[in-house]
């Protein structure tokens, strides 16, 4: 599974935790109001983050943290300091996930070749 699929899956899991009808409503609002389809989210993370912040206000940070926890668990990156990077916003965390995913895949391939 590629990172884009993992991002969508992580968002789905997080939004499902607040209820299926709420999840459908959020995706509908993202598409209608923000012109952002579910499939575009991994490529438009900043737009997604801004839309979620507009919808949920300060509560968006809670959702974003949950999404990131789910995503980083899926890619196999567990770092106790991860949640202490105060300077990074949601968009930067996703970029860090992409970089980490590439590193993990490279390391796994190298280990197979040894």
C-alpha atoms as a PDB file:
ATOM      1  CA  UNK A   1       0.000   0.000   0.000  1.00  0.00           C
ATOM      2  CA  UNK A   2       1.446   3.395  -0.929  1.00  0.00           C
ATOM      3  CA  UNK A   3       1.549   6.394   1.396  1.00  0.00           C
ATOM      4  CA  UNK A   4      -1.340   8.174  -0.302  1.00  0.00           C
ATOM      5  CA  UNK A   5      -3.578   5.167   0.343  1.00  0.00           C
ATOM      6  CA  UNK A   6      -2.360   5.012   3.949  1.00  0.00           C
ATOM      7  CA  UNK A   7      -3.190   8.717   4.430  1.00  0.00           C
ATOM      8  CA  UNK A   8      -6.735   8.180   3.157  1.00  0.00           C
ATOM      9  CA  UNK A   9      -7.133   5.042   5.277  1.00  0.00           C
ATOM     10  CA  UNK A  10      -5.853   6.889   8.376  1.00  0.00           C
ATOM     11  CA  UNK A  11      -8.243   9.787   7.833  1.00  0.00           C
ATOM     12  CA  UNK A  12     -11.102   7.313   7.309  1.00  0.00           C
ATOM     13  CA  UNK A  13     -10.302   5.504  10.562  1.00  0.00           C
ATOM     14  CA  UNK A  14     -10.094   8.743  12.495  1.00  0.00           C
ATOM     15  CA  UNK A  15     -13.335  10.150  11.094  1.00  0.00           C
ATOM     16  CA  UNK A  16     -15.089   6.809  11.637  1.00  0.00           C
ATOM     17  CA  UNK A  17     -14.380   7.199  15.340  1.00  0.00           C
ATOM     18  CA  UNK A  18     -16.839  10.105  15.447  1.00  0.00           C
ATOM     19  CA  UNK A  19     -19.478   8.154  13.544  1.00  0.00           C
ATOM     20  CA  UNK A  20     -20.146   7.013   9.992  1.00  0.00           C
ATOM     21  CA  UNK A  21     -22.779   9.688   9.343  1.00  0.00           C
ATOM     22  CA  UNK A  22     -20.421  12.405  10.583  1.00  0.00           C
ATOM     23  CA  UNK A  23     -17.672  11.019   8.388  1.00  0.00           C
ATOM     24  CA  UNK A  24     -19.928  11.089   5.325  1.00  0.00           C
ATOM     25  CA  UNK A  25     -21.005  14.621   6.173  1.00  0.00           C
ATOM     26  CA  UNK A  26     -17.401  15.802   6.501  1.00  0.00           C
ATOM     27  CA  UNK A  27     -16.382  14.257   3.175  1.00  0.00           C
ATOM     28  CA  UNK A  28     -19.472  15.815   1.565  1.00  0.00           C
ATOM     29  CA  UNK A  29     -18.606  19.247   2.951  1.00  0.00           C
ATOM     30  CA  UNK A  30     -14.975  18.875   1.856  1.00  0.00           C
ATOM     31  CA  UNK A  31     -16.108  18.079  -1.668  1.00  0.00           C
ATOM     32  CA  UNK A  32     -18.898  20.646  -2.019  1.00  0.00           C
ATOM     33  CA  UNK A  33     -17.547  23.612  -0.049  1.00  0.00           C
ATOM     34  CA  UNK A  34     -13.796  23.105  -0.391  1.00  0.00           C
ATOM     35  CA  UNK A  35     -13.708  21.323  -3.788  1.00  0.00           C
ATOM     36  CA  UNK A  36     -11.567  18.617  -2.220  1.00  0.00           C
ATOM     37  CA  UNK A  37     -12.365  14.979  -2.953  1.00  0.00           C
ATOM     38  CA  UNK A  38     -11.299  12.173  -0.687  1.00  0.00           C
ATOM     39  CA  UNK A  39      -8.828  10.921  -3.313  1.00  0.00           C
ATOM     40  CA  UNK A  40      -7.203  14.369  -3.610  1.00  0.00           C
ATOM     41  CA  UNK A  41      -6.489  14.750   0.107  1.00  0.00           C
ATOM     42  CA  UNK A  42      -3.011  13.131   0.109  1.00  0.00           C
ATOM     43  CA  UNK A  43      -1.956  15.538  -2.633  1.00  0.00           C
ATOM     44  CA  UNK A  44      -3.603  18.587  -1.057  1.00  0.00           C
ATOM     45  CA  UNK A  45      -2.763  18.120   2.623  1.00  0.00           C
ATOM     46  CA  UNK A  46      -2.549  21.849   3.313  1.00  0.00           C
ATOM     47  CA  UNK A  47      -6.019  22.409   1.821  1.00  0.00           C
ATOM     48  CA  UNK A  48      -7.360  19.492   3.859  1.00  0.00           C
ATOM     49  CA  UNK A  49      -5.850  20.857   7.063  1.00  0.00           C
ATOM     50  CA  UNK A  50      -7.266  24.339   6.429  1.00  0.00           C
ATOM     51  CA  UNK A  51     -10.702  22.916   5.632  1.00  0.00           C
ATOM     52  CA  UNK A  52     -10.736  20.775   8.792  1.00  0.00           C
ATOM     53  CA  UNK A  53      -9.664  23.818  10.827  1.00  0.00           C
ATOM     54  CA  UNK A  54     -12.516  25.837   9.307  1.00  0.00           C
ATOM     55  CA  UNK A  55     -15.008  23.082  10.069  1.00  0.00           C
ATOM     56  CA  UNK A  56     -13.862  22.166  13.595  1.00  0.00           C
ATOM     57  CA  UNK A  57     -11.965  25.217  14.801  1.00  0.00           C
ATOM     58  CA  UNK A  58      -9.473  24.435  17.543  1.00  0.00           C
ATOM     59  CA  UNK A  59     -10.868  20.879  17.707  1.00  0.00           C
ATOM     60  CA  UNK A  60      -9.228  20.177  14.344  1.00  0.00           C
ATOM     61  CA  UNK A  61      -5.890  19.718  16.101  1.00  0.00           C
ATOM     62  CA  UNK A  62      -7.297  16.749  18.011  1.00  0.00           C
ATOM     63  CA  UNK A  63      -8.398  15.109  14.760  1.00  0.00           C
ATOM     64  CA  UNK A  64      -5.093  15.871  13.082  1.00  0.00           C
ATOM     65  CA  UNK A  65      -3.140  14.331  15.957  1.00  0.00           C
ATOM     66  CA  UNK A  66      -5.304  11.198  15.806  1.00  0.00           C
ATOM     67  CA  UNK A  67      -4.833  10.956  12.041  1.00  0.00           C
ATOM     68  CA  UNK A  68      -1.081  11.255  12.477  1.00  0.00           C
ATOM     69  CA  UNK A  69      -0.962   8.641  15.248  1.00  0.00           C
ATOM     70  CA  UNK A  70      -2.860   6.199  13.037  1.00  0.00           C
ATOM     71  CA  UNK A  71      -0.735   6.987   9.979  1.00  0.00           C
ATOM     72  CA  UNK A  72       2.611   6.686  11.733  1.00  0.00           C
ATOM     73  CA  UNK A  73       1.542   3.403  13.304  1.00  0.00           C
ATOM     74  CA  UNK A  74       0.590   2.087   9.856  1.00  0.00           C
ATOM     75  CA  UNK A  75       3.977   2.961   8.378  1.00  0.00           C
ATOM     76  CA  UNK A  76       5.764   1.424  11.342  1.00  0.00           C
ATOM     77  CA  UNK A  77       7.176   4.615  12.782  1.00  0.00           C
ATOM     78  CA  UNK A  78       6.858   4.806  16.535  1.00  0.00           C
ATOM     79  CA  UNK A  79       8.888   7.599  18.070  1.00  0.00           C
ATOM     80  CA  UNK A  80       8.149   8.843  21.596  1.00  0.00           C
ATOM     81  CA  UNK A  81       9.439  12.290  20.643  1.00  0.00           C
ATOM     82  CA  UNK A  82       7.166  12.421  17.588  1.00  0.00           C
ATOM     83  CA  UNK A  83       4.379  14.238  19.403  1.00  0.00           C
ATOM     84  CA  UNK A  84       6.778  16.814  20.860  1.00  0.00           C
ATOM     85  CA  UNK A  85       7.726  18.480  17.596  1.00  0.00           C
ATOM     86  CA  UNK A  86       5.888  21.681  18.466  1.00  0.00           C
ATOM     87  CA  UNK A  87       7.164  23.617  15.448  1.00  0.00           C
ATOM     88  CA  UNK A  88       5.626  21.256  12.930  1.00  0.00           C
ATOM     89  CA  UNK A  89       2.078  21.538  11.674  1.00  0.00           C
ATOM     90  CA  UNK A  90      -0.066  18.802  10.133  1.00  0.00           C
ATOM     91  CA  UNK A  91       1.329  19.379   6.644  1.00  0.00           C
ATOM     92  CA  UNK A  92       4.914  19.058   7.875  1.00  0.00           C
ATOM     93  CA  UNK A  93       4.104  15.883   9.797  1.00  0.00           C
ATOM     94  CA  UNK A  94       2.728  14.324   6.601  1.00  0.00           C
ATOM     95  CA  UNK A  95       5.897  15.337   4.761  1.00  0.00           C
ATOM     96  CA  UNK A  96       7.911  13.728   7.580  1.00  0.00           C
ATOM     97  CA  UNK A  97       5.826  10.570   7.149  1.00  0.00           C
ATOM     98  CA  UNK A  98       6.632  10.513   3.428  1.00  0.00           C
ATOM     99  CA  UNK A  99      10.350  10.898   4.120  1.00  0.00           C
ATOM    100  CA  UNK A 100      10.252   8.282   6.876  1.00  0.00           C
ATOM    101  CA  UNK A 101       8.296   5.849   4.695  1.00  0.00           C
ATOM    102  CA  UNK A 102      10.929   6.109   1.948  1.00  0.00           C
ATOM    103  CA  UNK A 103      13.694   5.554   4.522  1.00  0.00           C
ATOM    104  CA  UNK A 104      11.953   2.513   6.025  1.00  0.00           C
ATOM    105  CA  UNK A 105      11.373   0.952   2.598  1.00  0.00           C
ATOM    106  CA  UNK A 106      14.992   1.588   1.588  1.00  0.00           C
ATOM    107  CA  UNK A 107      16.227   0.022   4.847  1.00  0.00           C
ATOM    108  CA  UNK A 108      13.984  -3.029   4.422  1.00  0.00           C
ATOM    109  CA  UNK A 109      15.245  -3.546   0.861  1.00  0.00           C
ATOM    110  CA  UNK A 110      18.856  -3.183   1.984  1.00  0.00           C
ATOM    111  CA  UNK A 111      18.280  -5.726   4.782  1.00  0.00           C
ATOM    112  CA  UNK A 112      16.822  -8.200   2.274  1.00  0.00           C
ATOM    113  CA  UNK A 113      19.933  -7.878   0.106  1.00  0.00           C
ATOM    114  CA  UNK A 114      22.351  -8.624   2.963  1.00  0.00           C
END
